[in-house]
Amino acid sequence: MTERTIEEEIGSDIYHYQTKNVFFFIYDKDKIIKNIDAFIKSYTKNENNFDKNVDAIVIQPVLL
């Protein structure tokens, strides 16, 4: 899977779900998403500017 594929799926899912609040929990085991902050910012929407509240949470494993 590529970052572009993830973006397309999330974009599709935002409109698919008929609810006011949508949360995306993304476990990025292979660290596909390079800039997590920019990714989260692009998918965080609020009801004032958008028709629903959308939040994305990205988790990448940390090797110690």
PDB file of N, CA and C in Angstrom:
ATOM      1  N   MET A   1       0.842  -1.169   0.000  1.00  0.00           N
ATOM      2  CA  MET A   1       0.000   0.000   0.000  1.00  0.00           C
ATOM      3  C   MET A   1       0.893   1.240   0.000  1.00  0.00           C
ATOM      4  N   THR A   2       0.447   2.277  -0.685  1.00  0.00           N
ATOM      5  CA  THR A   2       1.202   3.524  -0.738  1.00  0.00           C
ATOM      6  C   THR A   2       0.471   4.608   0.048  1.00  0.00           C
ATOM      7  N   GLU A   3       1.163   5.698   0.296  1.00  0.00           N
ATOM      8  CA  GLU A   3       0.534   6.821   0.994  1.00  0.00           C
ATOM      9  C   GLU A   3      -0.626   7.368   0.169  1.00  0.00           C
ATOM     10  N   ARG A   4      -0.468   7.374  -1.117  1.00  0.00           N
ATOM     11  CA  ARG A   4      -1.535   7.844  -2.015  1.00  0.00           C
ATOM     12  C   ARG A   4      -2.784   6.977  -1.888  1.00  0.00           C
ATOM     13  N   THR A   5      -2.615   5.672  -1.788  1.00  0.00           N
ATOM     14  CA  THR A   5      -3.737   4.756  -1.627  1.00  0.00           C
ATOM     15  C   THR A   5      -4.471   5.029  -0.319  1.00  0.00           C
ATOM     16  N   ILE A   6      -3.712   5.245   0.745  1.00  0.00           N
ATOM     17  CA  ILE A   6      -4.320   5.556   2.037  1.00  0.00           C
ATOM     18  C   ILE A   6      -5.131   6.847   1.936  1.00  0.00           C
ATOM     19  N   GLU A   7      -4.568   7.865   1.300  1.00  0.00           N
ATOM     20  CA  GLU A   7      -5.262   9.138   1.132  1.00  0.00           C
ATOM     21  C   GLU A   7      -6.556   8.975   0.345  1.00  0.00           C
ATOM     22  N   GLU A   8      -6.534   8.183  -0.709  1.00  0.00           N
ATOM     23  CA  GLU A   8      -7.736   7.956  -1.508  1.00  0.00           C
ATOM     24  C   GLU A   8      -8.807   7.230  -0.708  1.00  0.00           C
ATOM     25  N   GLU A   9      -8.416   6.240   0.075  1.00  0.00           N
ATOM     26  CA  GLU A   9      -9.377   5.497   0.875  1.00  0.00           C
ATOM     27  C   GLU A   9     -10.005   6.374   1.955  1.00  0.00           C
ATOM     28  N   ILE A  10      -9.194   7.198   2.609  1.00  0.00           N
ATOM     29  CA  ILE A  10      -9.728   8.090   3.638  1.00  0.00           C
ATOM     30  C   ILE A  10     -10.669   9.106   3.011  1.00  0.00           C
ATOM     31  N   GLY A  11     -10.268   9.687   1.890  1.00  0.00           N
ATOM     32  CA  GLY A  11     -11.130  10.646   1.199  1.00  0.00           C
ATOM     33  C   GLY A  11     -12.472  10.048   0.834  1.00  0.00           C
ATOM     34  N   SER A  12     -12.457   8.826   0.379  1.00  0.00           N
ATOM     35  CA  SER A  12     -13.696   8.128   0.038  1.00  0.00           C
ATOM     36  C   SER A  12     -14.527   7.843   1.285  1.00  0.00           C
ATOM     37  N   ASP A  13     -13.873   7.411   2.340  1.00  0.00           N
ATOM     38  CA  ASP A  13     -14.580   7.071   3.580  1.00  0.00           C
ATOM     39  C   ASP A  13     -15.206   8.291   4.239  1.00  0.00           C
ATOM     40  N   ILE A  14     -14.581   9.445   4.126  1.00  0.00           N
ATOM     41  CA  ILE A  14     -15.142  10.659   4.730  1.00  0.00           C
ATOM     42  C   ILE A  14     -16.558  10.903   4.219  1.00  0.00           C
ATOM     43  N   TYR A  15     -16.768  10.739   2.932  1.00  0.00           N
ATOM     44  CA  TYR A  15     -18.086  10.978   2.357  1.00  0.00           C
ATOM     45  C   TYR A  15     -19.009   9.780   2.502  1.00  0.00           C
ATOM     46  N   HIS A  16     -18.455   8.598   2.664  1.00  0.00           N
ATOM     47  CA  HIS A  16     -19.256   7.385   2.779  1.00  0.00           C
ATOM     48  C   HIS A  16     -20.034   7.333   4.090  1.00  0.00           C
ATOM     49  N   TYR A  17     -19.393   7.686   5.190  1.00  0.00           N
ATOM     50  CA  TYR A  17     -20.027   7.590   6.503  1.00  0.00           C
ATOM     51  C   TYR A  17     -20.983   8.757   6.720  1.00  0.00           C
ATOM     52  N   GLN A  18     -22.226   8.433   7.049  1.00  0.00           N
ATOM     53  CA  GLN A  18     -23.272   9.428   7.253  1.00  0.00           C
ATOM     54  C   GLN A  18     -23.388   9.769   8.733  1.00  0.00           C
ATOM     55  N   THR A  19     -22.337  10.308   9.299  1.00  0.00           N
ATOM     56  CA  THR A  19     -22.317  10.693  10.698  1.00  0.00           C
ATOM     57  C   THR A  19     -21.603  12.030  10.840  1.00  0.00           C
ATOM     58  N   LYS A  20     -21.803  12.705  11.949  1.00  0.00           N
ATOM     59  CA  LYS A  20     -21.189  14.014  12.158  1.00  0.00           C
ATOM     60  C   LYS A  20     -19.738  13.922  12.622  1.00  0.00           C
ATOM     61  N   ASN A  21     -19.345  12.805  13.217  1.00  0.00           N
ATOM     62  CA  ASN A  21     -17.988  12.639  13.736  1.00  0.00           C
ATOM     63  C   ASN A  21     -17.357  11.384  13.154  1.00  0.00           C
ATOM     64  N   VAL A  22     -16.191  11.560  12.535  1.00  0.00           N
ATOM     65  CA  VAL A  22     -15.468  10.432  11.946  1.00  0.00           C
ATOM     66  C   VAL A  22     -14.032  10.464  12.473  1.00  0.00           C
ATOM     67  N   PHE A  23     -13.577   9.333  13.000  1.00  0.00           N
ATOM     68  CA  PHE A  23     -12.217   9.203  13.498  1.00  0.00           C
ATOM     69  C   PHE A  23     -11.508   8.119  12.708  1.00  0.00           C
ATOM     70  N   PHE A  24     -10.320   8.420  12.222  1.00  0.00           N
ATOM     71  CA  PHE A  24      -9.502   7.442  11.518  1.00  0.00           C
ATOM     72  C   PHE A  24      -8.300   7.110  12.388  1.00  0.00           C
ATOM     73  N   PHE A  25      -8.176   5.862  12.764  1.00  0.00           N
ATOM     74  CA  PHE A  25      -7.016   5.374  13.494  1.00  0.00           C
ATOM     75  C   PHE A  25      -6.183   4.573  12.507  1.00  0.00           C
ATOM     76  N   ILE A  26      -5.000   5.048  12.205  1.00  0.00           N
ATOM     77  CA  ILE A  26      -4.153   4.431  11.195  1.00  0.00           C
ATOM     78  C   ILE A  26      -2.900   3.901  11.869  1.00  0.00           C
ATOM     79  N   TYR A  27      -2.732   2.593  11.835  1.00  0.00           N
ATOM     80  CA  TYR A  27      -1.522   1.969  12.351  1.00  0.00           C
ATOM     81  C   TYR A  27      -0.599   1.764  11.169  1.00  0.00           C
ATOM     82  N   ASP A  28       0.440   2.558  11.112  1.00  0.00           N
ATOM     83  CA  ASP A  28       1.371   2.566   9.981  1.00  0.00           C
ATOM     84  C   ASP A  28       2.625   1.777  10.355  1.00  0.00           C
ATOM     85  N   LYS A  29       2.487   0.470  10.354  1.00  0.00           N
ATOM     86  CA  LYS A  29       3.579  -0.420  10.767  1.00  0.00           C
ATOM     87  C   LYS A  29       4.817  -0.277   9.894  1.00  0.00           C
ATOM     88  N   ASP A  30       4.607  -0.075   8.599  1.00  0.00           N
ATOM     89  CA  ASP A  30       5.720   0.001   7.657  1.00  0.00           C
ATOM     90  C   ASP A  30       6.210   1.424   7.412  1.00  0.00           C
ATOM     91  N   LYS A  31       5.694   2.373   8.167  1.00  0.00           N
ATOM     92  CA  LYS A  31       6.075   3.786   8.072  1.00  0.00           C
ATOM     93  C   LYS A  31       5.943   4.316   6.644  1.00  0.00           C
ATOM     94  N   ILE A  32       4.774   4.073   6.074  1.00  0.00           N
ATOM     95  CA  ILE A  32       4.459   4.537   4.726  1.00  0.00           C
ATOM     96  C   ILE A  32       4.272   6.053   4.712  1.00  0.00           C
ATOM     97  N   ILE A  33       3.649   6.578   5.749  1.00  0.00           N
ATOM     98  CA  ILE A  33       3.386   8.012   5.836  1.00  0.00           C
ATOM     99  C   ILE A  33       4.667   8.705   6.291  1.00  0.00           C
ATOM    100  N   LYS A  34       5.188   9.568   5.441  1.00  0.00           N
ATOM    101  CA  LYS A  34       6.473  10.207   5.712  1.00  0.00           C
ATOM    102  C   LYS A  34       6.350  11.424   6.627  1.00  0.00           C
ATOM    103  N   ASN A  35       5.355  12.265   6.406  1.00  0.00           N
ATOM    104  CA  ASN A  35       5.163  13.467   7.215  1.00  0.00           C
ATOM    105  C   ASN A  35       3.828  13.343   7.949  1.00  0.00           C
ATOM    106  N   ILE A  36       3.882  12.816   9.150  1.00  0.00           N
ATOM    107  CA  ILE A  36       2.656  12.532   9.912  1.00  0.00           C
ATOM    108  C   ILE A  36       1.889  13.816  10.220  1.00  0.00           C
ATOM    109  N   ASP A  37       2.582  14.875  10.619  1.00  0.00           N
ATOM    110  CA  ASP A  37       1.904  16.117  10.976  1.00  0.00           C
ATOM    111  C   ASP A  37       1.117  16.693   9.796  1.00  0.00           C
ATOM    112  N   ALA A  38       1.697  16.710   8.629  1.00  0.00           N
ATOM    113  CA  ALA A  38       1.015  17.220   7.437  1.00  0.00           C
ATOM    114  C   ALA A  38      -0.161  16.319   7.063  1.00  0.00           C
ATOM    115  N   PHE A  39       0.028  15.006   7.207  1.00  0.00           N
ATOM    116  CA  PHE A  39      -1.039  14.051   6.898  1.00  0.00           C
ATOM    117  C   PHE A  39      -2.232  14.284   7.812  1.00  0.00           C
ATOM    118  N   ILE A  40      -1.974  14.401   9.111  1.00  0.00           N
ATOM    119  CA  ILE A  40      -3.054  14.613  10.076  1.00  0.00           C
ATOM    120  C   ILE A  40      -3.744  15.955   9.807  1.00  0.00           C
ATOM    121  N   LYS A  41      -2.965  16.988   9.543  1.00  0.00           N
ATOM    122  CA  LYS A  41      -3.532  18.313   9.283  1.00  0.00           C
ATOM    123  C   LYS A  41      -4.447  18.309   8.061  1.00  0.00           C
ATOM    124  N   SER A  42      -4.084  17.562   7.041  1.00  0.00           N
ATOM    125  CA  SER A  42      -4.896  17.537   5.822  1.00  0.00           C
ATOM    126  C   SER A  42      -6.214  16.797   6.014  1.00  0.00           C
ATOM    127  N   TYR A  43      -6.312  15.937   7.027  1.00  0.00           N
ATOM    128  CA  TYR A  43      -7.555  15.189   7.252  1.00  0.00           C
ATOM    129  C   TYR A  43      -8.279  15.581   8.527  1.00  0.00           C
ATOM    130  N   THR A  44      -7.869  16.666   9.166  1.00  0.00           N
ATOM    131  CA  THR A  44      -8.589  17.162  10.328  1.00  0.00           C
ATOM    132  C   THR A  44      -9.520  18.270   9.860  1.00  0.00           C
ATOM    133  N   LYS A  45     -10.791  18.031  10.001  1.00  0.00           N
ATOM    134  CA  LYS A  45     -11.818  18.989   9.575  1.00  0.00           C
ATOM    135  C   LYS A  45     -12.760  19.228  10.748  1.00  0.00           C
ATOM    136  N   ASN A  46     -13.344  20.428  10.802  1.00  0.00           N
ATOM    137  CA  ASN A  46     -14.360  20.655  11.822  1.00  0.00           C
ATOM    138  C   ASN A  46     -15.673  21.040  11.171  1.00  0.00           C
ATOM    139  N   GLU A  47     -16.718  20.937  11.940  1.00  0.00           N
ATOM    140  CA  GLU A  47     -18.069  21.110  11.418  1.00  0.00           C
ATOM    141  C   GLU A  47     -18.327  22.539  10.934  1.00  0.00           C
ATOM    142  N   ASN A  48     -17.599  23.511  11.442  1.00  0.00           N
ATOM    143  CA  ASN A  48     -17.814  24.905  11.030  1.00  0.00           C
ATOM    144  C   ASN A  48     -17.427  25.133   9.580  1.00  0.00           C
ATOM    145  N   ASN A  49     -16.344  24.475   9.121  1.00  0.00           N
ATOM    146  CA  ASN A  49     -15.861  24.668   7.756  1.00  0.00           C
ATOM    147  C   ASN A  49     -16.198  23.500   6.837  1.00  0.00           C
ATOM    148  N   PHE A  50     -16.679  22.430   7.410  1.00  0.00           N
ATOM    149  CA  PHE A  50     -16.935  21.186   6.681  1.00  0.00           C
ATOM    150  C   PHE A  50     -18.251  20.642   7.210  1.00  0.00           C
ATOM    151  N   ASP A  51     -18.880  19.725   6.540  1.00  0.00           N
ATOM    152  CA  ASP A  51     -20.187  19.243   7.004  1.00  0.00           C
ATOM    153  C   ASP A  51     -20.100  18.233   8.147  1.00  0.00           C
ATOM    154  N   LYS A  52     -18.896  17.876   8.584  1.00  0.00           N
ATOM    155  CA  LYS A  52     -18.715  16.944   9.702  1.00  0.00           C
ATOM    156  C   LYS A  52     -17.361  17.149  10.350  1.00  0.00           C
ATOM    157  N   ASN A  53     -17.192  16.579  11.532  1.00  0.00           N
ATOM    158  CA  ASN A  53     -15.909  16.605  12.235  1.00  0.00           C
ATOM    159  C   ASN A  53     -15.111  15.370  11.845  1.00  0.00           C
ATOM    160  N   VAL A  54     -13.881  15.581  11.421  1.00  0.00           N
ATOM    161  CA  VAL A  54     -13.025  14.470  11.007  1.00  0.00           C
ATOM    162  C   VAL A  54     -11.683  14.613  11.724  1.00  0.00           C
ATOM    163  N   ASP A  55     -11.226  13.527  12.327  1.00  0.00           N
ATOM    164  CA  ASP A  55      -9.913  13.488  12.970  1.00  0.00           C
ATOM    165  C   ASP A  55      -9.164  12.247  12.505  1.00  0.00           C
ATOM    166  N   ALA A  56      -7.874  12.406  12.291  1.00  0.00           N
ATOM    167  CA  ALA A  56      -7.017  11.277  11.910  1.00  0.00           C
ATOM    168  C   ALA A  56      -5.933  11.119  12.964  1.00  0.00           C
ATOM    169  N   ILE A  57      -5.728   9.900  13.394  1.00  0.00           N
ATOM    170  CA  ILE A  57      -4.694   9.568  14.357  1.00  0.00           C
ATOM    171  C   ILE A  57      -3.783   8.541  13.705  1.00  0.00           C
ATOM    172  N   VAL A  58      -2.502   8.860  13.601  1.00  0.00           N
ATOM    173  CA  VAL A  58      -1.546   7.957  12.968  1.00  0.00           C
ATOM    174  C   VAL A  58      -0.581   7.446  14.028  1.00  0.00           C
ATOM    175  N   ILE A  59      -0.416   6.136  14.080  1.00  0.00           N
ATOM    176  CA  ILE A  59       0.488   5.504  15.030  1.00  0.00           C
ATOM    177  C   ILE A  59       1.531   4.729  14.243  1.00  0.00           C
ATOM    178  N   GLN A  60       2.799   5.037  14.505  1.00  0.00           N
ATOM    179  CA  GLN A  60       3.903   4.290  13.915  1.00  0.00           C
ATOM    180  C   GLN A  60       4.708   3.673  15.045  1.00  0.00           C
ATOM    181  N   PRO A  61       5.141   2.435  14.879  1.00  0.00           N
ATOM    182  CA  PRO A  61       5.921   1.802  15.940  1.00  0.00           C
ATOM    183  C   PRO A  61       7.294   2.456  16.091  1.00  0.00           C
ATOM    184  N   VAL A  62       7.780   2.435  17.304  1.00  0.00           N
ATOM    185  CA  VAL A  62       9.110   2.965  17.606  1.00  0.00           C
ATOM    186  C   VAL A  62       9.973   1.816  18.066  1.00  0.00           C
ATOM    187  N   LEU A  63      11.086   1.619  17.405  1.00  0.00           N
ATOM    188  CA  LEU A  63      12.007   0.554  17.791  1.00  0.00           C
ATOM    189  C   LEU A  63      12.994   1.102  18.813  1.00  0.00           C
ATOM    190  N   LEU A  64      13.121   0.402  19.908  1.00  0.00           N
ATOM    191  CA  LEU A  64      14.038   0.842  20.957  1.00  0.00           C
ATOM    192  C   LEU A  64      15.311   0.029  20.945  1.00  0.00           C
TER     193      LEU A  64
END
